[in-house]
Amino acid sequence: MPRLSIRIDFDQEGRLGPGKVALLERIASEGSISAAGRSMNMSYKRAWELVAEINQSFTEPLVSAQTGGKTGGGAVLTPRGLELIRHYRAIERKALSATASHLKALQAISRSGRRK
């Protein structure tokens, strides 16, 4: 079945898509940017770059990171970060619902939809 992915472009301020949202969700569950990146087979550097992009794209940070030390660092999503995930997932659900019959039709005429 074809998959629909949603990417939202914010003019010059950046973009938001399934990868960044998944990273935010992993940060929320892992409590760490590096652990979230590892769980997605992403380098530490790339995970931090994406978090910086995300935070710079909005009027307030979506991820709050604490530096390491004796007790270690960590990261949490801010209330705005949690709100962003809720909105993105709601958009995604509505888009999938609205396009389900069209995706099914596309599947039927695609090479992978043909019977052998």
Protein backbone atom coordinates (compact mmCIF):
# COMPACT_ATOMS: atom_id res chain seq x y z
CA MET A 1 0.00 0.00 0.00
CA PRO A 2 1.38 3.45 -0.81
CA ARG A 3 2.32 5.55 2.21
CA LEU A 4 1.61 9.21 2.65
CA SER A 5 4.14 11.34 4.46
CA ILE A 6 3.51 14.90 5.52
CA ARG A 7 6.16 17.59 5.34
CA ILE A 8 5.31 21.10 6.42
CA ASP A 9 7.41 23.95 5.03
CA PHE A 10 7.62 27.14 7.09
CA ASP A 11 8.89 29.50 4.38
CA GLN A 12 12.43 30.48 5.38
CA GLU A 13 12.07 29.19 8.94
CA GLY A 14 12.58 25.53 8.05
CA ARG A 15 10.52 22.42 7.63
CA LEU A 16 8.97 19.71 9.70
CA GLY A 17 8.41 16.15 8.59
CA PRO A 18 8.12 12.59 9.85
CA GLY A 19 11.82 12.24 10.71
CA LYS A 20 12.00 15.30 12.94
CA VAL A 21 8.71 14.43 14.62
CA ALA A 22 9.94 10.88 15.26
CA LEU A 23 13.14 12.31 16.76
CA LEU A 24 11.09 14.53 19.08
CA GLU A 25 8.99 11.54 20.14
CA ARG A 26 12.13 9.51 20.84
CA ILE A 27 13.63 12.35 22.87
CA ALA A 28 10.43 12.41 24.93
CA SER A 29 10.61 8.67 25.56
CA GLU A 30 14.40 8.32 25.96
CA GLY A 31 15.07 11.52 27.91
CA SER A 32 18.21 12.12 25.85
CA ILE A 33 19.05 13.48 22.42
CA SER A 34 21.94 11.07 21.96
CA ALA A 35 19.87 8.04 23.05
CA ALA A 36 17.04 9.14 20.74
CA GLY A 37 19.50 9.43 17.86
CA ARG A 38 21.02 6.01 18.59
CA SER A 39 17.57 4.42 18.66
CA MET A 40 17.05 5.79 15.14
CA ASN A 41 20.53 4.74 13.90
CA MET A 42 21.48 8.42 13.72
CA SER A 43 24.80 9.88 14.76
CA TYR A 44 25.06 12.00 17.87
CA LYS A 45 26.09 14.98 15.73
CA ARG A 46 23.15 14.60 13.34
CA ALA A 47 20.63 14.31 16.17
CA TRP A 48 21.97 17.50 17.74
CA GLU A 49 21.94 19.30 14.37
CA LEU A 50 18.30 18.39 13.85
CA VAL A 51 17.36 19.53 17.35
CA ALA A 52 19.11 22.85 16.69
CA GLU A 53 17.18 23.23 13.42
CA ILE A 54 13.91 22.42 15.15
CA ASN A 55 14.53 24.85 18.00
CA GLN A 56 15.53 27.63 15.57
CA SER A 57 12.39 27.14 13.49
CA PHE A 58 9.99 28.11 16.26
CA THR A 59 9.49 31.13 18.50
CA GLU A 60 10.44 29.12 21.57
CA PRO A 61 12.48 25.95 22.05
CA LEU A 62 10.77 22.60 21.59
CA VAL A 63 13.61 20.66 23.22
CA SER A 64 15.35 21.64 26.42
CA ALA A 65 18.73 19.96 26.96
CA GLN A 66 20.71 19.79 30.19
CA THR A 67 24.46 19.39 29.95
CA GLY A 68 26.18 16.34 31.38
CA GLY A 69 28.01 16.08 34.65
CA LYS A 70 28.10 13.65 37.56
CA THR A 71 24.45 12.80 37.10
CA GLY A 72 24.61 13.03 33.30
CA GLY A 73 22.69 15.30 31.00
CA GLY A 74 19.37 14.76 29.40
CA ALA A 75 16.70 16.37 27.31
CA VAL A 76 12.99 16.93 27.58
CA LEU A 77 10.37 18.33 25.28
CA THR A 78 8.93 21.63 26.32
CA PRO A 79 5.15 22.02 26.47
CA ARG A 80 5.40 23.64 23.01
CA GLY A 81 7.29 20.58 21.73
CA LEU A 82 4.55 18.27 22.98
CA GLU A 83 1.95 20.54 21.40
CA LEU A 84 3.78 20.41 18.06
CA ILE A 85 3.71 16.61 18.06
CA ARG A 86 -0.03 16.59 18.83
CA HIS A 87 -0.75 18.99 15.95
CA TYR A 88 1.49 17.15 13.48
CA ARG A 89 -0.02 13.75 14.30
CA ALA A 90 -3.55 15.20 14.03
CA ILE A 91 -2.72 16.62 10.57
CA GLU A 92 -1.27 13.27 9.59
CA ARG A 93 -4.38 11.33 10.74
CA LYS A 94 -6.74 13.67 8.90
CA ALA A 95 -4.67 13.57 5.72
CA LEU A 96 -4.53 9.77 5.78
CA SER A 97 -8.25 9.55 6.36
CA ALA A 98 -9.00 11.99 3.54
CA THR A 99 -6.73 10.21 1.05
CA ALA A 100 -7.30 6.52 1.91
CA SER A 101 -9.48 5.73 -1.11
CA HIS A 102 -7.07 7.52 -3.46
CA LEU A 103 -4.08 5.66 -2.02
CA LYS A 104 -5.94 2.39 -2.52
CA ALA A 105 -6.69 3.35 -6.14
CA LEU A 106 -3.03 4.22 -6.72
CA GLN A 107 -2.01 0.88 -5.27
CA ALA A 108 -4.33 -0.92 -7.67
CA ILE A 109 -2.66 0.67 -10.71
CA SER A 110 0.91 0.46 -9.45
CA ARG A 111 3.36 -2.26 -10.45
CA SER A 112 3.33 -3.68 -6.91
CA GLY A 113 -0.49 -3.76 -7.00
CA ARG A 114 -0.67 -5.95 -10.10
CA ARG A 115 -1.42 -9.60 -9.60
CA LYS A 116 1.09 -12.07 -10.96
